[in-house]
Amino acid sequence: MKDFSDGKENEMIKQTLLKTELFGYEICAHVTRLDEGIQVLIAGGNRTHIGAVSFMGCNGNIQTLQFPGHKDGYVSTRRDNALWESLHEPVCIQCGIHYDRLENNQIKEVLNNSIHKM
């Protein structure tokens, strides 16, 4: 985990980079902690992109936008919900993980790593 803050005690924004490697490619989570809320970009595989965006406000209602043909909303909604449950603050997750020609068991491993290990 790399902390990009400059060490000031009352810093308004704290950024953290989490990384894991799977099937020869990195999956990264760029986490930005704000005074009220958190924003996360999860991207990786052999082609990074934005496939889905999930947002959960103070009321706990989640909204997800997912581009046609993408399955990234599966990761973004689960991470969004998990962070909201622990913070009870607005959470925004952007997600884009792509691997070419994965088998079903490999897809499950990508999902497990993206949801539970980062």
Protein backbone atom coordinates (compact mmCIF):
# COMPACT_ATOMS: atom_id res chain seq x y z
CA MET A 1 0.00 0.00 0.00
CA LYS A 2 1.43 3.37 -0.97
CA ASP A 3 0.28 6.54 0.73
CA PHE A 4 0.45 9.63 -1.49
CA SER A 5 -0.33 12.18 1.24
CA ASP A 6 2.38 14.66 2.20
CA GLY A 7 2.20 13.83 5.91
CA LYS A 8 0.13 16.82 7.07
CA GLU A 9 -2.07 15.90 10.02
CA ASN A 10 -5.22 17.69 8.86
CA GLU A 11 -5.02 16.63 5.24
CA MET A 12 -8.39 16.82 3.49
CA ILE A 13 -7.58 14.21 0.85
CA LYS A 14 -5.62 11.02 1.40
CA GLN A 15 -4.76 8.79 -1.54
CA THR A 16 -3.74 5.16 -1.33
CA LEU A 17 -2.74 2.73 -4.07
CA LEU A 18 -3.39 -0.99 -3.59
CA LYS A 19 -2.05 -3.54 -6.07
CA THR A 20 -2.30 -7.24 -6.72
CA GLU A 21 -1.20 -9.35 -9.68
CA LEU A 22 -3.31 -11.99 -11.33
CA PHE A 23 -2.63 -13.97 -14.51
CA GLY A 24 0.41 -11.81 -15.30
CA TYR A 25 -1.35 -8.43 -15.05
CA GLU A 26 -1.86 -5.96 -12.23
CA ILE A 27 -5.20 -5.03 -10.74
CA CYS A 28 -4.97 -1.70 -8.91
CA ALA A 29 -7.29 0.15 -6.58
CA HIS A 30 -6.67 3.89 -6.43
CA VAL A 31 -8.40 4.98 -3.23
CA THR A 32 -9.11 8.63 -2.43
CA ARG A 33 -10.38 9.32 1.09
CA LEU A 34 -12.16 12.64 1.44
CA ASP A 35 -13.41 14.40 4.57
CA GLU A 36 -16.83 12.94 3.83
CA GLY A 37 -16.73 9.98 1.49
CA ILE A 38 -14.43 7.79 -0.50
CA GLN A 39 -13.75 7.40 -4.23
CA VAL A 40 -12.14 4.27 -5.69
CA LEU A 41 -10.94 3.36 -9.17
CA ILE A 42 -10.40 -0.39 -9.63
CA ALA A 43 -8.72 -1.18 -12.94
CA GLY A 44 -6.49 -3.83 -14.37
CA GLY A 45 -6.01 -6.87 -16.48
CA ASN A 46 -4.63 -6.60 -19.99
CA ARG A 47 -6.85 -3.59 -20.85
CA THR A 48 -7.82 -0.99 -18.29
CA HIS A 49 -11.04 0.89 -18.87
CA ILE A 50 -14.18 2.09 -17.10
CA GLY A 51 -16.92 -0.49 -17.47
CA ALA A 52 -19.14 0.49 -14.55
CA VAL A 53 -19.62 3.16 -11.91
CA SER A 54 -21.44 2.58 -8.64
CA PHE A 55 -22.46 5.28 -6.16
CA MET A 56 -23.96 4.93 -2.74
CA GLY A 57 -25.12 8.04 -0.92
CA CYS A 58 -25.71 8.72 2.76
CA ASN A 59 -29.08 6.97 2.61
CA GLY A 60 -27.53 3.62 1.62
CA ASN A 61 -29.23 3.43 -1.79
CA ILE A 62 -26.91 2.26 -4.55
CA GLN A 63 -26.98 3.28 -8.18
CA THR A 64 -24.86 1.57 -10.82
CA LEU A 65 -24.24 2.55 -14.42
CA GLN A 66 -22.69 -0.18 -16.55
CA PHE A 67 -21.69 0.03 -20.18
CA PRO A 68 -23.27 -2.53 -22.53
CA GLY A 69 -21.31 -5.77 -22.74
CA HIS A 70 -19.45 -5.17 -19.45
CA LYS A 71 -19.70 -7.06 -16.18
CA ASP A 72 -17.68 -4.63 -14.03
CA GLY A 73 -20.82 -3.64 -12.09
CA TYR A 74 -20.55 -6.92 -10.21
CA VAL A 75 -17.30 -5.73 -8.62
CA SER A 76 -18.26 -2.06 -8.22
CA THR A 77 -21.57 -2.76 -6.44
CA ARG A 78 -20.05 -5.21 -3.98
CA ARG A 79 -17.08 -2.99 -3.12
CA ASP A 80 -19.39 0.04 -2.89
CA ASN A 81 -21.70 -1.76 -0.47
CA ALA A 82 -18.83 -3.09 1.67
CA LEU A 83 -17.23 0.35 2.04
CA TRP A 84 -20.56 2.03 2.78
CA GLU A 85 -21.33 -0.55 5.47
CA SER A 86 -18.08 0.31 7.27
CA LEU A 87 -18.14 4.11 6.72
CA HIS A 88 -21.80 5.15 6.32
CA GLU A 89 -20.57 7.92 4.02
CA PRO A 90 -20.91 8.48 0.27
CA VAL A 91 -18.92 5.96 -1.79
CA CYS A 92 -18.15 6.08 -5.52
CA ILE A 93 -16.48 3.13 -7.27
CA GLN A 94 -15.35 3.11 -10.89
CA CYS A 95 -14.35 -0.31 -12.19
CA GLY A 96 -12.75 -1.67 -15.35
CA ILE A 97 -10.97 -5.02 -15.35
CA HIS A 98 -10.46 -6.91 -18.59
CA TYR A 99 -8.75 -10.19 -19.44
CA ASP A 100 -8.94 -11.94 -22.79
CA ARG A 101 -10.24 -15.52 -22.95
CA LEU A 102 -10.59 -16.48 -19.28
CA GLU A 103 -12.20 -19.72 -18.18
CA ASN A 104 -15.09 -19.56 -15.69
CA ASN A 105 -12.88 -20.55 -12.74
CA GLN A 106 -10.41 -17.78 -13.68
CA ILE A 107 -13.23 -15.22 -13.83
CA LYS A 108 -14.25 -16.26 -10.31
CA GLU A 109 -10.66 -15.75 -9.16
CA VAL A 110 -10.57 -12.24 -10.68
CA LEU A 111 -13.85 -11.37 -8.93
CA ASN A 112 -12.66 -12.80 -5.63
CA ASN A 113 -9.37 -10.87 -5.79
CA SER A 114 -11.10 -7.63 -6.81
CA ILE A 115 -13.78 -7.81 -4.13
CA HIS A 116 -12.16 -9.43 -1.11
CA LYS A 117 -8.40 -8.99 -1.32
CA MET A 118 -8.06 -5.30 -2.10
